[in-house]
Full PDB file with SEQRES, HELIX, SHEET, SSBOND, CRYST1, ORIGX, SCALE, CONECT and MASTER records, all heavy atoms in Angstrom:
SEQRES   1 A   35  GLY GLU PHE LEU ASP LYS LYS ASN SER ARG GLU TRP TYR          
SEQRES   2 A   35  ALA ALA LEU MET ASP TYR GLY SER TYR LEU LYS LYS THR          
SEQRES   3 A   35  PHE PRO ASN PRO SER ARG LYS SER VAL                          
HELIX    1 AA1 SER A    9  THR A   26  1                                  18    
HELIX    2 AA2 PRO A   30  LYS A   33  5                                   4    
CRYST1    1.000    1.000    1.000  90.00  90.00  90.00 P 1           1          
ORIGX1      1.000000  0.000000  0.000000        0.00000                         
ORIGX2      0.000000  1.000000  0.000000        0.00000                         
ORIGX3      0.000000  0.000000  1.000000        0.00000                         
SCALE1      1.000000  0.000000  0.000000        0.00000                         
SCALE2      0.000000  1.000000  0.000000        0.00000                         
SCALE3      0.000000  0.000000  1.000000        0.00000                         
ATOM      1  N   GLY A   1       1.435   6.213  12.405  1.00  0.00           N  
ATOM      2  CA  GLY A   1       1.986   7.499  12.841  1.00  0.00           C  
ATOM      3  C   GLY A   1       2.919   8.083  11.846  1.00  0.00           C  
ATOM      4  O   GLY A   1       3.015   9.298  11.623  1.00  0.00           O  
ATOM      5  N   GLU A   2       3.786   7.194  11.258  1.00  0.00           N  
ATOM      6  CA  GLU A   2       4.730   7.647  10.268  1.00  0.00           C  
ATOM      7  C   GLU A   2       4.142   8.181   9.028  1.00  0.00           C  
ATOM      8  O   GLU A   2       4.612   9.155   8.438  1.00  0.00           O  
ATOM      9  CB  GLU A   2       5.718   6.509   9.954  1.00  0.00           C  
ATOM     10  CG  GLU A   2       6.825   6.844   8.963  1.00  0.00           C  
ATOM     11  CD  GLU A   2       7.747   5.698   8.733  1.00  0.00           C  
ATOM     12  OE1 GLU A   2       7.636   4.672   9.426  1.00  0.00           O  
ATOM     13  OE2 GLU A   2       8.627   5.873   7.783  1.00  0.00           O  
ATOM     14  N   PHE A   3       3.089   7.540   8.560  1.00  0.00           N  
ATOM     15  CA  PHE A   3       2.505   7.935   7.212  1.00  0.00           C  
ATOM     16  C   PHE A   3       1.333   8.885   7.401  1.00  0.00           C  
ATOM     17  O   PHE A   3       0.750   9.219   6.351  1.00  0.00           O  
ATOM     18  CB  PHE A   3       2.120   6.633   6.500  1.00  0.00           C  
ATOM     19  CG  PHE A   3       3.330   5.777   6.149  1.00  0.00           C  
ATOM     20  CD1 PHE A   3       3.621   4.643   6.743  1.00  0.00           C  
ATOM     21  CD2 PHE A   3       4.073   6.232   5.014  1.00  0.00           C  
ATOM     22  CE1 PHE A   3       4.738   3.867   6.346  1.00  0.00           C  
ATOM     23  CE2 PHE A   3       5.201   5.456   4.634  1.00  0.00           C  
ATOM     24  CZ  PHE A   3       5.551   4.349   5.322  1.00  0.00           C  
ATOM     25  N   LEU A   4       0.980   9.188   8.563  1.00  0.00           N  
ATOM     26  CA  LEU A   4      -0.212  10.142   8.720  1.00  0.00           C  
ATOM     27  C   LEU A   4      -0.010  11.440   8.039  1.00  0.00           C  
ATOM     28  O   LEU A   4       1.036  12.109   8.217  1.00  0.00           O  
ATOM     29  CB  LEU A   4      -0.459  10.378  10.223  1.00  0.00           C  
ATOM     30  CG  LEU A   4      -1.565  11.337  10.598  1.00  0.00           C  
ATOM     31  CD1 LEU A   4      -2.885  10.946  10.088  1.00  0.00           C  
ATOM     32  CD2 LEU A   4      -1.601  11.538  12.096  1.00  0.00           C  
ATOM     33  N   ASP A   5      -0.967  11.853   7.254  1.00  0.00           N  
ATOM     34  CA  ASP A   5      -0.877  13.178   6.576  1.00  0.00           C  
ATOM     35  C   ASP A   5      -1.409  14.134   7.634  1.00  0.00           C  
ATOM     36  O   ASP A   5      -2.639  14.294   7.751  1.00  0.00           O  
ATOM     37  CB  ASP A   5      -1.802  13.198   5.363  1.00  0.00           C  
ATOM     38  CG  ASP A   5      -1.616  14.520   4.532  1.00  0.00           C  
ATOM     39  OD1 ASP A   5      -1.288  15.502   5.084  1.00  0.00           O  
ATOM     40  OD2 ASP A   5      -1.844  14.457   3.332  1.00  0.00           O  
ATOM     41  N   LYS A   6      -0.616  14.912   8.251  1.00  0.00           N  
ATOM     42  CA  LYS A   6      -0.957  15.824   9.327  1.00  0.00           C  
ATOM     43  C   LYS A   6      -1.653  17.104   8.877  1.00  0.00           C  
ATOM     44  O   LYS A   6      -2.320  17.725   9.610  1.00  0.00           O  
ATOM     45  CB  LYS A   6       0.242  16.151  10.167  1.00  0.00           C  
ATOM     46  CG  LYS A   6       0.827  14.919  10.885  1.00  0.00           C  
ATOM     47  CD  LYS A   6       2.027  15.286  11.787  1.00  0.00           C  
ATOM     48  CE  LYS A   6       2.571  14.051  12.453  1.00  0.00           C  
ATOM     49  NZ  LYS A   6       3.728  14.352  13.342  1.00  0.00           N  
ATOM     50  N   LYS A   7      -1.527  17.378   7.543  1.00  0.00           N  
ATOM     51  CA  LYS A   7      -2.136  18.644   7.019  1.00  0.00           C  
ATOM     52  C   LYS A   7      -3.532  18.302   6.406  1.00  0.00           C  
ATOM     53  O   LYS A   7      -4.393  19.152   6.361  1.00  0.00           O  
ATOM     54  CB  LYS A   7      -1.276  19.258   5.992  1.00  0.00           C  
ATOM     55  CG  LYS A   7      -0.018  19.877   6.554  1.00  0.00           C  
ATOM     56  CD  LYS A   7       0.819  20.613   5.457  1.00  0.00           C  
ATOM     57  CE  LYS A   7       2.052  21.263   6.027  1.00  0.00           C  
ATOM     58  NZ  LYS A   7       2.863  21.969   5.002  1.00  0.00           N  
ATOM     59  N   ASN A   8      -3.627  17.045   5.977  1.00  0.00           N  
ATOM     60  CA  ASN A   8      -4.886  16.632   5.288  1.00  0.00           C  
ATOM     61  C   ASN A   8      -5.398  15.292   5.924  1.00  0.00           C  
ATOM     62  O   ASN A   8      -5.636  14.361   5.077  1.00  0.00           O  
ATOM     63  CB  ASN A   8      -4.716  16.542   3.822  1.00  0.00           C  
ATOM     64  CG  ASN A   8      -4.341  17.900   3.164  1.00  0.00           C  
ATOM     65  OD1 ASN A   8      -5.164  18.795   3.156  1.00  0.00           O  
ATOM     66  ND2 ASN A   8      -3.107  17.994   2.763  1.00  0.00           N  
ATOM     67  N   SER A   9      -5.455  15.171   7.178  1.00  0.00           N  
ATOM     68  CA  SER A   9      -5.848  13.893   7.773  1.00  0.00           C  
ATOM     69  C   SER A   9      -7.264  13.431   7.338  1.00  0.00           C  
ATOM     70  O   SER A   9      -7.562  12.283   7.239  1.00  0.00           O  
ATOM     71  CB  SER A   9      -5.791  13.976   9.317  1.00  0.00           C  
ATOM     72  OG  SER A   9      -6.592  14.974   9.856  1.00  0.00           O  
ATOM     73  N   ARG A  10      -8.143  14.424   7.156  1.00  0.00           N  
ATOM     74  CA  ARG A  10      -9.512  14.021   6.746  1.00  0.00           C  
ATOM     75  C   ARG A  10      -9.510  13.286   5.433  1.00  0.00           C  
ATOM     76  O   ARG A  10     -10.153  12.221   5.315  1.00  0.00           O  
ATOM     77  CB  ARG A  10     -10.338  15.317   6.655  1.00  0.00           C  
ATOM     78  CG  ARG A  10     -11.796  15.073   6.235  1.00  0.00           C  
ATOM     79  CD  ARG A  10     -12.532  16.416   5.896  1.00  0.00           C  
ATOM     80  NE  ARG A  10     -12.712  17.195   7.101  1.00  0.00           N  
ATOM     81  CZ  ARG A  10     -12.364  18.479   7.138  1.00  0.00           C  
ATOM     82  NH1 ARG A  10     -11.878  19.099   6.124  1.00  0.00           N  
ATOM     83  NH2 ARG A  10     -12.689  19.149   8.274  1.00  0.00           N  
ATOM     84  N   GLU A  11      -8.851  13.800   4.418  1.00  0.00           N  
ATOM     85  CA  GLU A  11      -8.745  13.223   3.098  1.00  0.00           C  
ATOM     86  C   GLU A  11      -8.006  11.818   3.158  1.00  0.00           C  
ATOM     87  O   GLU A  11      -8.372  10.883   2.541  1.00  0.00           O  
ATOM     88  CB  GLU A  11      -8.143  14.099   2.109  1.00  0.00           C  
ATOM     89  CG  GLU A  11      -9.012  15.307   1.753  1.00  0.00           C  
ATOM     90  CD  GLU A  11      -8.361  16.173   0.626  1.00  0.00           C  
ATOM     91  OE1 GLU A  11      -7.472  15.697  -0.042  1.00  0.00           O  
ATOM     92  OE2 GLU A  11      -8.832  17.325   0.437  1.00  0.00           O  
ATOM     93  N   TRP A  12      -6.952  11.872   3.946  1.00  0.00           N  
ATOM     94  CA  TRP A  12      -6.090  10.666   4.152  1.00  0.00           C  
ATOM     95  C   TRP A  12      -6.914   9.518   4.628  1.00  0.00           C  
ATOM     96  O   TRP A  12      -6.870   8.394   4.079  1.00  0.00           O  
ATOM     97  CB  TRP A  12      -4.953  11.040   5.098  1.00  0.00           C  
ATOM     98  CG  TRP A  12      -4.067   9.837   5.531  1.00  0.00           C  
ATOM     99  CD1 TRP A  12      -3.943   9.380   6.828  1.00  0.00           C  
ATOM    100  CD2 TRP A  12      -3.262   9.026   4.697  1.00  0.00           C  
ATOM    101  NE1 TRP A  12      -3.033   8.346   6.853  1.00  0.00           N  
ATOM    102  CE2 TRP A  12      -2.661   8.107   5.548  1.00  0.00           C  
ATOM    103  CE3 TRP A  12      -3.036   8.922   3.353  1.00  0.00           C  
ATOM    104  CZ2 TRP A  12      -1.801   7.112   5.117  1.00  0.00           C  
ATOM    105  CZ3 TRP A  12      -2.118   7.895   2.852  1.00  0.00           C  
ATOM    106  CH2 TRP A  12      -1.586   7.025   3.785  1.00  0.00           C  
ATOM    107  N   TYR A  13      -7.682   9.744   5.652  1.00  0.00           N  
ATOM    108  CA  TYR A  13      -8.432   8.689   6.296  1.00  0.00           C  
ATOM    109  C   TYR A  13      -9.639   8.237   5.390  1.00  0.00           C  
ATOM    110  O   TYR A  13      -9.996   7.024   5.314  1.00  0.00           O  
ATOM    111  CB  TYR A  13      -8.936   8.977   7.684  1.00  0.00           C  
ATOM    112  CG  TYR A  13      -7.883   8.806   8.738  1.00  0.00           C  
ATOM    113  CD1 TYR A  13      -7.313   9.868   9.390  1.00  0.00           C  
ATOM    114  CD2 TYR A  13      -7.375   7.528   9.009  1.00  0.00           C  
ATOM    115  CE1 TYR A  13      -6.307   9.652  10.377  1.00  0.00           C  
ATOM    116  CE2 TYR A  13      -6.396   7.316  10.018  1.00  0.00           C  
ATOM    117  CZ  TYR A  13      -5.897   8.403  10.667  1.00  0.00           C  
ATOM    118  OH  TYR A  13      -4.865   8.205  11.579  1.00  0.00           O  
ATOM    119  N   ALA A  14     -10.176   9.194   4.711  1.00  0.00           N  
ATOM    120  CA  ALA A  14     -11.303   8.865   3.760  1.00  0.00           C  
ATOM    121  C   ALA A  14     -10.779   8.003   2.685  1.00  0.00           C  
ATOM    122  O   ALA A  14     -11.412   6.939   2.307  1.00  0.00           O  
ATOM    123  CB  ALA A  14     -11.882  10.169   3.153  1.00  0.00           C  
ATOM    124  N   ALA A  15      -9.567   8.245   2.163  1.00  0.00           N  
ATOM    125  CA  ALA A  15      -8.939   7.467   1.146  1.00  0.00           C  
ATOM    126  C   ALA A  15      -8.584   6.045   1.654  1.00  0.00           C  
ATOM    127  O   ALA A  15      -8.851   5.029   0.986  1.00  0.00           O  
ATOM    128  CB  ALA A  15      -7.695   8.118   0.632  1.00  0.00           C  
ATOM    129  N   LEU A  16      -8.094   5.951   2.881  1.00  0.00           N  
ATOM    130  CA  LEU A  16      -7.702   4.684   3.447  1.00  0.00           C  
ATOM    131  C   LEU A  16      -9.020   3.824   3.665  1.00  0.00           C  
ATOM    132  O   LEU A  16      -8.931   2.598   3.387  1.00  0.00           O  
ATOM    133  CB  LEU A  16      -7.074   4.920   4.865  1.00  0.00           C  
ATOM    134  CG  LEU A  16      -5.615   5.364   4.865  1.00  0.00           C  
ATOM    135  CD1 LEU A  16      -5.175   5.580   6.352  1.00  0.00           C  
ATOM    136  CD2 LEU A  16      -4.680   4.320   4.191  1.00  0.00           C  
ATOM    137  N   MET A  17     -10.075   4.431   4.131  1.00  0.00           N  
ATOM    138  CA  MET A  17     -11.337   3.666   4.272  1.00  0.00           C  
ATOM    139  C   MET A  17     -11.841   3.143   2.930  1.00  0.00           C  
ATOM    140  O   MET A  17     -12.286   2.005   2.834  1.00  0.00           O  
ATOM    141  CB  MET A  17     -12.375   4.575   4.942  1.00  0.00           C  
ATOM    142  CG  MET A  17     -12.067   4.820   6.392  1.00  0.00           C  
ATOM    143  SD  MET A  17     -13.309   5.857   7.142  1.00  0.00           S  
ATOM    144  CE  MET A  17     -12.733   5.943   8.882  1.00  0.00           C  
ATOM    145  N   ASP A  18     -11.775   3.939   1.888  1.00  0.00           N  
ATOM    146  CA  ASP A  18     -12.214   3.451   0.606  1.00  0.00           C  
ATOM    147  C   ASP A  18     -11.403   2.353   0.085  1.00  0.00           C  
ATOM    148  O   ASP A  18     -11.779   1.355  -0.488  1.00  0.00           O  
ATOM    149  CB  ASP A  18     -12.217   4.662  -0.397  1.00  0.00           C  
ATOM    150  CG  ASP A  18     -13.427   5.593  -0.241  1.00  0.00           C  
ATOM    151  OD1 ASP A  18     -14.364   5.153   0.494  1.00  0.00           O  
ATOM    152  OD2 ASP A  18     -13.400   6.655  -0.840  1.00  0.00           O  
ATOM    153  N   TYR A  19      -9.969   2.538   0.310  1.00  0.00           N  
ATOM    154  CA  TYR A  19      -9.075   1.525  -0.161  1.00  0.00           C  
ATOM    155  C   TYR A  19      -9.265   0.214   0.594  1.00  0.00           C  
ATOM    156  O   TYR A  19      -9.203  -0.904   0.037  1.00  0.00           O  
ATOM    157  CB  TYR A  19      -7.633   2.067  -0.047  1.00  0.00           C  
ATOM    158  CG  TYR A  19      -6.501   1.125  -0.508  1.00  0.00           C  
ATOM    159  CD1 TYR A  19      -6.713   0.361  -1.676  1.00  0.00           C  
ATOM    160  CD2 TYR A  19      -5.359   1.043   0.224  1.00  0.00           C  
ATOM    161  CE1 TYR A  19      -5.719  -0.446  -2.083  1.00  0.00           C  
ATOM    162  CE2 TYR A  19      -4.327   0.188  -0.286  1.00  0.00           C  
ATOM    163  CZ  TYR A  19      -4.526  -0.513  -1.382  1.00  0.00           C  
ATOM    164  OH  TYR A  19      -3.574  -1.399  -1.794  1.00  0.00           O  
ATOM    165  N   GLY A  20      -9.456   0.388   1.924  1.00  0.00           N  
ATOM    166  CA  GLY A  20      -9.680  -0.840   2.758  1.00  0.00           C  
ATOM    167  C   GLY A  20     -10.916  -1.660   2.316  1.00  0.00           C  
ATOM    168  O   GLY A  20     -10.899  -2.852   2.316  1.00  0.00           O  
ATOM    169  N   SER A  21     -11.981  -0.897   1.978  1.00  0.00           N  
ATOM    170  CA  SER A  21     -13.181  -1.505   1.526  1.00  0.00           C  
ATOM    171  C   SER A  21     -12.964  -2.237   0.159  1.00  0.00           C  
ATOM    172  O   SER A  21     -13.388  -3.367  -0.062  1.00  0.00           O  
ATOM    173  CB  SER A  21     -14.225  -0.416   1.286  1.00  0.00           C  
ATOM    174  OG  SER A  21     -15.388  -1.032   0.800  1.00  0.00           O  
ATOM    175  N   TYR A  22     -12.103  -1.628  -0.673  1.00  0.00           N  
ATOM    176  CA  TYR A  22     -11.749  -2.278  -1.992  1.00  0.00           C  
ATOM    177  C   TYR A  22     -10.911  -3.571  -1.695  1.00  0.00           C  
ATOM    178  O   TYR A  22     -11.157  -4.608  -2.339  1.00  0.00           O  
ATOM    179  CB  TYR A  22     -10.948  -1.317  -2.861  1.00  0.00           C  
ATOM    180  CG  TYR A  22     -10.153  -1.943  -3.930  1.00  0.00           C  
ATOM    181  CD1 TYR A  22     -10.809  -2.303  -5.060  1.00  0.00           C  
ATOM    182  CD2 TYR A  22      -8.771  -2.197  -3.810  1.00  0.00           C  
ATOM    183  CE1 TYR A  22     -10.072  -2.969  -6.119  1.00  0.00           C  
ATOM    184  CE2 TYR A  22      -8.103  -2.861  -4.798  1.00  0.00           C  
ATOM    185  CZ  TYR A  22      -8.733  -3.233  -5.927  1.00  0.00           C  
ATOM    186  OH  TYR A  22      -8.019  -3.857  -6.957  1.00  0.00           O  
ATOM    187  N   LEU A  23      -9.996  -3.519  -0.778  1.00  0.00           N  
ATOM    188  CA  LEU A  23      -9.155  -4.709  -0.478  1.00  0.00           C  
ATOM    189  C   LEU A  23      -9.999  -5.836   0.009  1.00  0.00           C  
ATOM    190  O   LEU A  23      -9.725  -7.000  -0.355  1.00  0.00           O  
ATOM    191  CB  LEU A  23      -8.121  -4.304   0.603  1.00  0.00           C  
ATOM    192  CG  LEU A  23      -6.957  -3.387   0.157  1.00  0.00           C  
ATOM    193  CD1 LEU A  23      -6.064  -3.075   1.394  1.00  0.00           C  
ATOM    194  CD2 LEU A  23      -6.130  -4.051  -0.944  1.00  0.00           C  
ATOM    195  N   LYS A  24     -10.999  -5.536   0.844  1.00  0.00           N  
ATOM    196  CA  LYS A  24     -11.867  -6.703   1.349  1.00  0.00           C  
ATOM    197  C   LYS A  24     -12.611  -7.363   0.236  1.00  0.00           C  
ATOM    198  O   LYS A  24     -12.940  -8.540   0.331  1.00  0.00           O  
ATOM    199  CB  LYS A  24     -12.759  -6.116   2.367  1.00  0.00           C  
ATOM    200  CG  LYS A  24     -12.148  -5.705   3.705  1.00  0.00           C  
ATOM    201  CD  LYS A  24     -13.185  -5.182   4.676  1.00  0.00           C  
ATOM    202  CE  LYS A  24     -12.604  -4.834   5.952  1.00  0.00           C  
ATOM    203  NZ  LYS A  24     -13.604  -4.300   6.974  1.00  0.00           N  
ATOM    204  N   LYS A  25     -12.950  -6.607  -0.838  1.00  0.00           N  
ATOM    205  CA  LYS A  25     -13.670  -7.187  -1.976  1.00  0.00           C  
ATOM    206  C   LYS A  25     -12.730  -7.919  -2.956  1.00  0.00           C  
ATOM    207  O   LYS A  25     -13.161  -8.770  -3.714  1.00  0.00           O  
ATOM    208  CB  LYS A  25     -14.404  -6.097  -2.665  1.00  0.00           C  
ATOM    209  CG  LYS A  25     -15.493  -5.408  -1.824  1.00  0.00           C  
ATOM    210  CD  LYS A  25     -16.122  -4.289  -2.618  1.00  0.00           C  
ATOM    211  CE  LYS A  25     -17.127  -3.541  -1.721  1.00  0.00           C  
ATOM    212  NZ  LYS A  25     -17.741  -2.371  -2.447  1.00  0.00           N  
ATOM    213  N   THR A  26     -11.437  -7.593  -2.826  1.00  0.00           N  
ATOM    214  CA  THR A  26     -10.478  -8.094  -3.806  1.00  0.00           C  
ATOM    215  C   THR A  26      -9.621  -9.259  -3.269  1.00  0.00           C  
ATOM    216  O   THR A  26      -9.216 -10.176  -4.012  1.00  0.00           O  
ATOM    217  CB  THR A  26      -9.544  -6.981  -4.233  1.00  0.00           C  
ATOM    218  OG1 THR A  26     -10.331  -5.819  -4.639  1.00  0.00           O  
ATOM    219  CG2 THR A  26      -8.695  -7.424  -5.500  1.00  0.00           C  
ATOM    220  N   PHE A  27      -9.309  -9.216  -2.008  1.00  0.00           N  
ATOM    221  CA  PHE A  27      -8.537 -10.208  -1.338  1.00  0.00           C  
ATOM    222  C   PHE A  27      -9.232 -10.776  -0.169  1.00  0.00           C  
ATOM    223  O   PHE A  27     -10.253 -10.191   0.270  1.00  0.00           O  
ATOM    224  CB  PHE A  27      -7.153  -9.599  -0.898  1.00  0.00           C  
ATOM    225  CG  PHE A  27      -6.344  -8.933  -1.874  1.00  0.00           C  
ATOM    226  CD1 PHE A  27      -6.515  -7.600  -2.178  1.00  0.00           C  
ATOM    227  CD2 PHE A  27      -5.387  -9.680  -2.580  1.00  0.00           C  
ATOM    228  CE1 PHE A  27      -5.748  -7.062  -3.223  1.00  0.00           C  
ATOM    229  CE2 PHE A  27      -4.649  -9.155  -3.646  1.00  0.00           C  
ATOM    230  CZ  PHE A  27      -4.738  -7.822  -3.862  1.00  0.00           C  
ATOM    231  N   PRO A  28      -8.779 -11.911   0.349  1.00  0.00           N  
ATOM    232  CA  PRO A  28      -9.380 -12.424   1.614  1.00  0.00           C  
ATOM    233  C   PRO A  28      -9.204 -11.346   2.661  1.00  0.00           C  
ATOM    234  O   PRO A  28      -8.126 -10.714   2.784  1.00  0.00           O  
ATOM    235  CB  PRO A  28      -8.442 -13.691   1.979  1.00  0.00           C  
ATOM    236  CG  PRO A  28      -7.962 -14.106   0.675  1.00  0.00           C  
ATOM    237  CD  PRO A  28      -7.766 -12.898  -0.185  1.00  0.00           C  
ATOM    238  N   ASN A  29     -10.278 -11.051   3.452  1.00  0.00           N  
ATOM    239  CA  ASN A  29     -10.268  -9.928   4.336  1.00  0.00           C  
ATOM    240  C   ASN A  29      -8.983  -9.829   5.201  1.00  0.00           C  
ATOM    241  O   ASN A  29      -8.800 -10.600   6.089  1.00  0.00           O  
ATOM    242  CB  ASN A  29     -11.478 -10.054   5.253  1.00  0.00           C  
ATOM    243  CG  ASN A  29     -11.703  -8.840   6.103  1.00  0.00           C  
ATOM    244  OD1 ASN A  29     -10.876  -7.908   6.147  1.00  0.00           O  
ATOM    245  ND2 ASN A  29     -12.795  -8.774   6.843  1.00  0.00           N  
ATOM    246  N   PRO A  30      -8.125  -8.845   4.970  1.00  0.00           N  
ATOM    247  CA  PRO A  30      -6.892  -8.758   5.763  1.00  0.00           C  
ATOM    248  C   PRO A  30      -7.108  -8.578   7.247  1.00  0.00           C  
ATOM    249  O   PRO A  30      -6.313  -9.003   8.025  1.00  0.00           O  
ATOM    250  CB  PRO A  30      -6.185  -7.497   5.166  1.00  0.00           C  
ATOM    251  CG  PRO A  30      -6.784  -7.335   3.777  1.00  0.00           C  
ATOM    252  CD  PRO A  30      -8.228  -7.777   3.982  1.00  0.00           C  
ATOM    253  N   SER A  31      -8.193  -7.942   7.609  1.00  0.00           N  
ATOM    254  CA  SER A  31      -8.467  -7.668   9.025  1.00  0.00           C  
ATOM    255  C   SER A  31      -8.710  -8.924   9.878  1.00  0.00           C  
ATOM    256  O   SER A  31      -8.684  -8.898  11.073  1.00  0.00           O  
ATOM    257  CB  SER A  31      -9.662  -6.622   9.218  1.00  0.00           C  
ATOM    258  OG  SER A  31     -10.826  -7.222   8.830  1.00  0.00           O  
ATOM    259  N   ARG A  32      -8.889 -10.042   9.185  1.00  0.00           N  
ATOM    260  CA  ARG A  32      -9.082 -11.334   9.870  1.00  0.00           C  
ATOM    261  C   ARG A  32      -7.853 -11.734  10.626  1.00  0.00           C  
ATOM    262  O   ARG A  32      -7.887 -12.586  11.556  1.00  0.00           O  
ATOM    263  CB  ARG A  32      -9.612 -12.363   9.005  1.00  0.00           C  
ATOM    264  CG  ARG A  32     -11.039 -12.177   8.444  1.00  0.00           C  
ATOM    265  CD  ARG A  32     -11.424 -13.232   7.469  1.00  0.00           C  
ATOM    266  NE  ARG A  32     -12.765 -12.944   6.897  1.00  0.00           N  
ATOM    267  CZ  ARG A  32     -13.327 -13.646   5.925  1.00  0.00           C  
ATOM    268  NH1 ARG A  32     -12.650 -14.615   5.321  1.00  0.00           N  
ATOM    269  NH2 ARG A  32     -14.518 -13.403   5.508  1.00  0.00           N  
ATOM    270  N   LYS A  33      -6.663 -11.180  10.148  1.00  0.00           N  
ATOM    271  CA  LYS A  33      -5.411 -11.482  10.861  1.00  0.00           C  
ATOM    272  C   LYS A  33      -5.281 -10.731  12.190  1.00  0.00           C  
ATOM    273  O   LYS A  33      -4.409 -11.036  12.977  1.00  0.00           O  
ATOM    274  CB  LYS A  33      -4.226 -11.084   9.962  1.00  0.00           C  
ATOM    275  CG  LYS A  33      -4.124 -11.943   8.610  1.00  0.00           C  
ATOM    276  CD  LYS A  33      -2.974 -11.368   7.807  1.00  0.00           C  
ATOM    277  CE  LYS A  33      -2.816 -12.166   6.501  1.00  0.00           C  
ATOM    278  NZ  LYS A  33      -1.592 -11.714   5.740  1.00  0.00           N  
ATOM    279  N   SER A  34      -6.110  -9.705  12.377  1.00  0.00           N  
ATOM    280  CA  SER A  34      -5.982  -8.953  13.595  1.00  0.00           C  
ATOM    281  C   SER A  34      -6.515  -9.668  14.836  1.00  0.00           C  
ATOM    282  O   SER A  34      -7.501 -10.463  14.786  1.00  0.00           O  
ATOM    283  CB  SER A  34      -6.889  -7.650  13.485  1.00  0.00           C  
ATOM    284  OG  SER A  34      -6.918  -6.954  14.645  1.00  0.00           O  
ATOM    285  N   VAL A  35      -5.744  -9.476  15.904  1.00  0.00           N  
ATOM    286  CA  VAL A  35      -6.203 -10.084  17.160  1.00  0.00           C  
ATOM    287  C   VAL A  35      -7.530  -9.550  17.647  1.00  0.00           C  
ATOM    288  O   VAL A  35      -8.159 -10.085  18.535  1.00  0.00           O  
ATOM    289  CB  VAL A  35      -5.084 -10.002  18.236  1.00  0.00           C  
ATOM    290  CG1 VAL A  35      -3.763 -10.689  17.857  1.00  0.00           C  
ATOM    291  CG2 VAL A  35      -4.836  -8.453  18.519  1.00  0.00           C  
TER     292      VAL A  35                                                      
MASTER        0    0    0    2    0    0    0    6  291    1    0    3          
END                                                                             
C-alpha cells in the first residue's frame, strides 16, 4: 500500500511481475517463504 503507484498502477504492477519473474530465476524462489 505504501509503495503503490496510484497514478500508474498498470505499469507498476507490470514491472513488479517482470522483476518477480527475474528474481525466481536468479535466487531461490522467495515466494516459497509465503504461508
